Amino acid sequence: MLDMVMSAAMLAALDEEDNNKEKRVKTMDEVYVSPILKSLIGKECIISHEELDDERGVIKEVDAEFFVVTVHGKKGEVTLVERIDGIEEIQLV
């Protein structure tokens, strides 16, 4: 009898774990992106970032962790993917 109760409890726990995994997958698609950063897409900016030295460029794409920027450097245009948490300052030009 105890084995049946233990088996039922284990099955219930596994079923609950599967349901939680499905919920996590659904919420992973719904990623929060700052509306301020979204509004800067396509605009010319000067970006101060821990990996960039006040570079002038255009923000191309933004998600929850990264942004894509095309930098206008001395050697021409370079497209970079950088972490959002490294942004120190953004100035619109």
C-alpha atoms as a PDB file:
ATOM      1  CA  MET A   1       0.000   0.000   0.000  1.00  0.00           C
ATOM      2  CA  LEU A   2       2.813   2.394   0.901  1.00  0.00           C
ATOM      3  CA  ASP A   3       4.473   1.648  -2.469  1.00  0.00           C
ATOM      4  CA  MET A   4       1.295   2.659  -4.311  1.00  0.00           C
ATOM      5  CA  VAL A   5       1.082   5.938  -2.376  1.00  0.00           C
ATOM      6  CA  MET A   6       4.755   6.686  -3.043  1.00  0.00           C
ATOM      7  CA  SER A   7       4.336   5.886  -6.737  1.00  0.00           C
ATOM      8  CA  ALA A   8       1.288   8.136  -6.989  1.00  0.00           C
ATOM      9  CA  ALA A   9       3.130  10.963  -5.228  1.00  0.00           C
ATOM     10  CA  MET A  10       6.136  10.590  -7.536  1.00  0.00           C
ATOM     11  CA  LEU A  11       3.914  10.594 -10.632  1.00  0.00           C
ATOM     12  CA  ALA A  12       2.126  13.717  -9.388  1.00  0.00           C
ATOM     13  CA  ALA A  13       5.456  15.448  -8.748  1.00  0.00           C
ATOM     14  CA  LEU A  14       6.757  14.534 -12.211  1.00  0.00           C
ATOM     15  CA  ASP A  15       3.535  15.754 -13.809  1.00  0.00           C
ATOM     16  CA  GLU A  16       3.809  19.049 -11.917  1.00  0.00           C
ATOM     17  CA  GLU A  17       7.445  19.418 -13.017  1.00  0.00           C
ATOM     18  CA  ASP A  18       6.425  18.893 -16.658  1.00  0.00           C
ATOM     19  CA  ASN A  19       3.741  21.562 -16.309  1.00  0.00           C
ATOM     20  CA  ASN A  20       6.270  23.999 -14.818  1.00  0.00           C
ATOM     21  CA  LYS A  21       8.666  23.369 -17.733  1.00  0.00           C
ATOM     22  CA  GLU A  22       5.900  24.181 -20.204  1.00  0.00           C
ATOM     23  CA  LYS A  23       5.159  27.409 -18.325  1.00  0.00           C
ATOM     24  CA  ARG A  24       8.846  28.369 -18.324  1.00  0.00           C
ATOM     25  CA  VAL A  25       9.120  27.839 -22.078  1.00  0.00           C
ATOM     26  CA  LYS A  26       6.094  30.041 -22.677  1.00  0.00           C
ATOM     27  CA  THR A  27       7.457  32.850 -20.524  1.00  0.00           C
ATOM     28  CA  MET A  28      10.889  32.643 -22.185  1.00  0.00           C
ATOM     29  CA  ASP A  29       9.263  33.813 -25.447  1.00  0.00           C
ATOM     30  CA  GLU A  30       7.703  36.799 -23.711  1.00  0.00           C
ATOM     31  CA  VAL A  31      10.906  38.702 -23.032  1.00  0.00           C
ATOM     32  CA  TYR A  32      10.749  42.242 -21.638  1.00  0.00           C
ATOM     33  CA  VAL A  33      12.569  44.791 -23.756  1.00  0.00           C
ATOM     34  CA  SER A  34      12.950  48.350 -22.511  1.00  0.00           C
ATOM     35  CA  PRO A  35      10.660  50.693 -24.466  1.00  0.00           C
ATOM     36  CA  ILE A  36      13.347  53.380 -24.209  1.00  0.00           C
ATOM     37  CA  LEU A  37      15.904  51.192 -25.988  1.00  0.00           C
ATOM     38  CA  LYS A  38      13.290  50.066 -28.516  1.00  0.00           C
ATOM     39  CA  SER A  39      12.601  53.724 -29.355  1.00  0.00           C
ATOM     40  CA  LEU A  40      16.289  54.197 -30.245  1.00  0.00           C
ATOM     41  CA  ILE A  41      16.292  51.569 -33.008  1.00  0.00           C
ATOM     42  CA  GLY A  42      17.364  53.174 -36.276  1.00  0.00           C
ATOM     43  CA  LYS A  43      18.586  56.395 -34.660  1.00  0.00           C
ATOM     44  CA  GLU A  44      22.095  57.857 -34.736  1.00  0.00           C
ATOM     45  CA  CYS A  45      23.618  57.791 -31.236  1.00  0.00           C
ATOM     46  CA  ILE A  46      26.855  58.174 -29.352  1.00  0.00           C
ATOM     47  CA  ILE A  47      27.121  55.088 -27.151  1.00  0.00           C
ATOM     48  CA  SER A  48      29.256  54.841 -24.028  1.00  0.00           C
ATOM     49  CA  HIS A  49      29.649  51.145 -23.242  1.00  0.00           C
ATOM     50  CA  GLU A  50      32.179  49.148 -21.279  1.00  0.00           C
ATOM     51  CA  GLU A  51      33.367  47.626 -24.586  1.00  0.00           C
ATOM     52  CA  LEU A  52      33.049  50.822 -26.698  1.00  0.00           C
ATOM     53  CA  ASP A  53      34.750  54.189 -26.273  1.00  0.00           C
ATOM     54  CA  ASP A  54      31.984  56.729 -26.975  1.00  0.00           C
ATOM     55  CA  GLU A  55      31.358  55.356 -30.447  1.00  0.00           C
ATOM     56  CA  ARG A  56      28.963  56.930 -32.924  1.00  0.00           C
ATOM     57  CA  GLY A  57      26.579  54.469 -34.506  1.00  0.00           C
ATOM     58  CA  VAL A  58      23.056  53.300 -35.253  1.00  0.00           C
ATOM     59  CA  ILE A  59      21.217  50.841 -33.019  1.00  0.00           C
ATOM     60  CA  LYS A  60      19.813  48.118 -35.264  1.00  0.00           C
ATOM     61  CA  GLU A  61      18.132  45.673 -32.879  1.00  0.00           C
ATOM     62  CA  VAL A  62      17.430  45.232 -29.151  1.00  0.00           C
ATOM     63  CA  ASP A  63      16.307  42.325 -26.984  1.00  0.00           C
ATOM     64  CA  ALA A  64      16.341  41.625 -23.253  1.00  0.00           C
ATOM     65  CA  GLU A  65      20.105  40.985 -23.035  1.00  0.00           C
ATOM     66  CA  PHE A  66      21.817  42.310 -26.160  1.00  0.00           C
ATOM     67  CA  PHE A  67      21.722  45.116 -28.686  1.00  0.00           C
ATOM     68  CA  VAL A  68      23.090  45.248 -32.211  1.00  0.00           C
ATOM     69  CA  VAL A  69      24.815  48.444 -33.248  1.00  0.00           C
ATOM     70  CA  THR A  70      26.520  49.511 -36.465  1.00  0.00           C
ATOM     71  CA  VAL A  71      29.480  51.670 -35.466  1.00  0.00           C
ATOM     72  CA  HIS A  72      30.965  54.266 -37.818  1.00  0.00           C
ATOM     73  CA  GLY A  73      34.670  53.885 -37.103  1.00  0.00           C
ATOM     74  CA  LYS A  74      37.860  55.081 -38.750  1.00  0.00           C
ATOM     75  CA  LYS A  75      38.134  51.794 -40.649  1.00  0.00           C
ATOM     76  CA  GLY A  76      34.530  51.906 -41.882  1.00  0.00           C
ATOM     77  CA  GLU A  77      31.301  50.499 -40.521  1.00  0.00           C
ATOM     78  CA  VAL A  78      31.351  47.541 -38.140  1.00  0.00           C
ATOM     79  CA  THR A  79      28.305  45.754 -36.758  1.00  0.00           C
ATOM     80  CA  LEU A  80      28.647  44.630 -33.132  1.00  0.00           C
ATOM     81  CA  VAL A  81      26.493  42.676 -30.701  1.00  0.00           C
ATOM     82  CA  GLU A  82      26.952  43.966 -27.146  1.00  0.00           C
ATOM     83  CA  ARG A  83      25.343  43.296 -23.772  1.00  0.00           C
ATOM     84  CA  ILE A  84      22.764  45.815 -22.589  1.00  0.00           C
ATOM     85  CA  ASP A  85      24.033  45.739 -19.017  1.00  0.00           C
ATOM     86  CA  GLY A  86      27.321  47.286 -20.223  1.00  0.00           C
ATOM     87  CA  ILE A  87      25.650  50.501 -21.430  1.00  0.00           C
ATOM     88  CA  GLU A  88      26.858  53.516 -19.494  1.00  0.00           C
ATOM     89  CA  GLU A  89      25.238  56.288 -21.535  1.00  0.00           C
ATOM     90  CA  ILE A  90      23.485  56.884 -24.867  1.00  0.00           C
ATOM     91  CA  GLN A  91      23.283  60.312 -26.479  1.00  0.00           C
ATOM     92  CA  LEU A  92      21.092  61.034 -29.484  1.00  0.00           C
ATOM     93  CA  VAL A  93      22.872  62.911 -32.277  1.00  0.00           C
END
